[in-house]
Amino acid sequence: MPGKLLNLLIALLLFAVLFLAIDDSTRVWAGKEEVTPISIEEIAGGPHIKGGIFSDFIFSFELLSLLLLAALIGALYIARKEA
């Protein structure tokens, strides 16, 4: 029983921290008056734009996605094995 109460307290504290962080972020962004437009070509990298998200880091991104997929499958396997 004390373990469940401790888990509940930790979960409530984490919820409070996340709620305060989100609430603070809305206040910070609400004070921003200047908006800088960004086109899709600037983000993704077009034929005349050097860089972009899909040019320099595509191998790292794909490697990270495979690593996260393997971690997810491993976590599911371990959780199912213990149950």
C-alpha atoms as a PDB file:
ATOM      1  CA  MET A   1       0.000   0.000   0.000  1.00  0.00           C
ATOM      2  CA  PRO A   2       2.759   2.550   0.772  1.00  0.00           C
ATOM      3  CA  GLY A   3       4.337   1.756  -2.603  1.00  0.00           C
ATOM      4  CA  LYS A   4       1.136   2.638  -4.433  1.00  0.00           C
ATOM      5  CA  LEU A   5       0.823   5.911  -2.547  1.00  0.00           C
ATOM      6  CA  LEU A   6       4.416   6.792  -3.401  1.00  0.00           C
ATOM      7  CA  ASN A   7       3.766   6.005  -7.078  1.00  0.00           C
ATOM      8  CA  LEU A   8       0.626   8.154  -7.001  1.00  0.00           C
ATOM      9  CA  LEU A   9       2.532  11.037  -5.415  1.00  0.00           C
ATOM     10  CA  ILE A  10       5.302  10.831  -8.013  1.00  0.00           C
ATOM     11  CA  ALA A  11       2.772  10.703 -10.862  1.00  0.00           C
ATOM     12  CA  LEU A  12       0.929  13.744  -9.498  1.00  0.00           C
ATOM     13  CA  LEU A  13       4.179  15.686  -9.098  1.00  0.00           C
ATOM     14  CA  LEU A  14       5.220  14.866 -12.662  1.00  0.00           C
ATOM     15  CA  PHE A  15       1.799  15.929 -13.916  1.00  0.00           C
ATOM     16  CA  ALA A  16       2.101  19.216 -12.017  1.00  0.00           C
ATOM     17  CA  VAL A  17       5.561  19.889 -13.446  1.00  0.00           C
ATOM     18  CA  LEU A  18       4.400  19.174 -16.998  1.00  0.00           C
ATOM     19  CA  PHE A  19       1.284  21.299 -16.533  1.00  0.00           C
ATOM     20  CA  LEU A  20       3.327  24.242 -15.227  1.00  0.00           C
ATOM     21  CA  ALA A  21       5.828  23.899 -18.075  1.00  0.00           C
ATOM     22  CA  ILE A  22       3.071  23.937 -20.695  1.00  0.00           C
ATOM     23  CA  ASP A  23       1.330  26.839 -18.973  1.00  0.00           C
ATOM     24  CA  ASP A  24       4.577  28.815 -18.852  1.00  0.00           C
ATOM     25  CA  SER A  25       5.315  28.120 -22.525  1.00  0.00           C
ATOM     26  CA  THR A  26       1.973  29.605 -23.581  1.00  0.00           C
ATOM     27  CA  ARG A  27       2.789  32.778 -21.677  1.00  0.00           C
ATOM     28  CA  VAL A  28       6.217  33.018 -23.283  1.00  0.00           C
ATOM     29  CA  TRP A  29       4.860  32.547 -26.821  1.00  0.00           C
ATOM     30  CA  ALA A  30       1.904  34.861 -26.240  1.00  0.00           C
ATOM     31  CA  GLY A  31       4.258  37.814 -25.756  1.00  0.00           C
ATOM     32  CA  LYS A  32       5.948  37.247 -29.114  1.00  0.00           C
ATOM     33  CA  GLU A  33       4.885  39.955 -31.537  1.00  0.00           C
ATOM     34  CA  GLU A  34       7.128  39.319 -34.516  1.00  0.00           C
ATOM     35  CA  VAL A  35       6.408  36.331 -36.752  1.00  0.00           C
ATOM     36  CA  THR A  36       8.986  35.044 -39.205  1.00  0.00           C
ATOM     37  CA  PRO A  37       7.413  33.037 -42.037  1.00  0.00           C
ATOM     38  CA  ILE A  38       9.230  29.834 -43.001  1.00  0.00           C
ATOM     39  CA  SER A  39       8.480  28.060 -46.242  1.00  0.00           C
ATOM     40  CA  ILE A  40       8.466  24.314 -46.737  1.00  0.00           C
ATOM     41  CA  GLU A  41      11.461  24.582 -49.056  1.00  0.00           C
ATOM     42  CA  GLU A  42      13.544  26.159 -46.281  1.00  0.00           C
ATOM     43  CA  ILE A  43      12.711  23.303 -43.922  1.00  0.00           C
ATOM     44  CA  ALA A  44      12.970  20.348 -46.293  1.00  0.00           C
ATOM     45  CA  GLY A  45      15.635  21.742 -48.604  1.00  0.00           C
ATOM     46  CA  GLY A  46      14.809  22.506 -52.196  1.00  0.00           C
ATOM     47  CA  PRO A  47      16.881  22.400 -55.363  1.00  0.00           C
ATOM     48  CA  HIS A  48      18.362  25.877 -54.752  1.00  0.00           C
ATOM     49  CA  ILE A  49      18.740  25.585 -50.985  1.00  0.00           C
ATOM     50  CA  LYS A  50      21.805  23.931 -49.503  1.00  0.00           C
ATOM     51  CA  GLY A  51      21.077  21.930 -46.379  1.00  0.00           C
ATOM     52  CA  GLY A  52      17.674  21.215 -45.005  1.00  0.00           C
ATOM     53  CA  ILE A  53      16.427  18.447 -42.817  1.00  0.00           C
ATOM     54  CA  PHE A  54      16.618  15.695 -45.449  1.00  0.00           C
ATOM     55  CA  SER A  55      20.099  16.315 -46.800  1.00  0.00           C
ATOM     56  CA  ASP A  56      22.762  16.182 -44.094  1.00  0.00           C
ATOM     57  CA  PHE A  57      21.139  14.096 -41.381  1.00  0.00           C
ATOM     58  CA  ILE A  58      19.055  11.540 -43.267  1.00  0.00           C
ATOM     59  CA  PHE A  59      21.329   8.604 -42.411  1.00  0.00           C
ATOM     60  CA  SER A  60      21.391   9.550 -38.728  1.00  0.00           C
ATOM     61  CA  PHE A  61      17.620   9.941 -38.729  1.00  0.00           C
ATOM     62  CA  GLU A  62      17.073   6.531 -40.298  1.00  0.00           C
ATOM     63  CA  LEU A  63      19.565   4.898 -37.933  1.00  0.00           C
ATOM     64  CA  LEU A  64      17.829   6.463 -34.936  1.00  0.00           C
ATOM     65  CA  SER A  65      14.421   5.324 -36.179  1.00  0.00           C
ATOM     66  CA  LEU A  66      15.675   1.732 -36.454  1.00  0.00           C
ATOM     67  CA  LEU A  67      17.210   1.919 -32.983  1.00  0.00           C
ATOM     68  CA  LEU A  68      13.955   3.196 -31.475  1.00  0.00           C
ATOM     69  CA  LEU A  69      11.974   0.520 -33.294  1.00  0.00           C
ATOM     70  CA  ALA A  70      14.294  -2.186 -31.940  1.00  0.00           C
ATOM     71  CA  ALA A  71      13.968  -0.747 -28.425  1.00  0.00           C
ATOM     72  CA  LEU A  72      10.180  -0.738 -28.707  1.00  0.00           C
ATOM     73  CA  ILE A  73      10.082  -4.346 -29.899  1.00  0.00           C
ATOM     74  CA  GLY A  74      12.500  -5.368 -27.140  1.00  0.00           C
ATOM     75  CA  ALA A  75      10.417  -3.623 -24.479  1.00  0.00           C
ATOM     76  CA  LEU A  76       7.269  -5.337 -25.726  1.00  0.00           C
ATOM     77  CA  TYR A  77       9.034  -8.698 -25.707  1.00  0.00           C
ATOM     78  CA  ILE A  78      10.294  -8.236 -22.149  1.00  0.00           C
ATOM     79  CA  ALA A  79       6.911  -7.018 -20.909  1.00  0.00           C
ATOM     80  CA  ARG A  80       5.108  -9.957 -22.490  1.00  0.00           C
ATOM     81  CA  LYS A  81       7.640 -12.457 -21.159  1.00  0.00           C
ATOM     82  CA  GLU A  82       7.177 -11.276 -17.559  1.00  0.00           C
ATOM     83  CA  ALA A  83       3.373 -11.213 -17.662  1.00  0.00           C
END
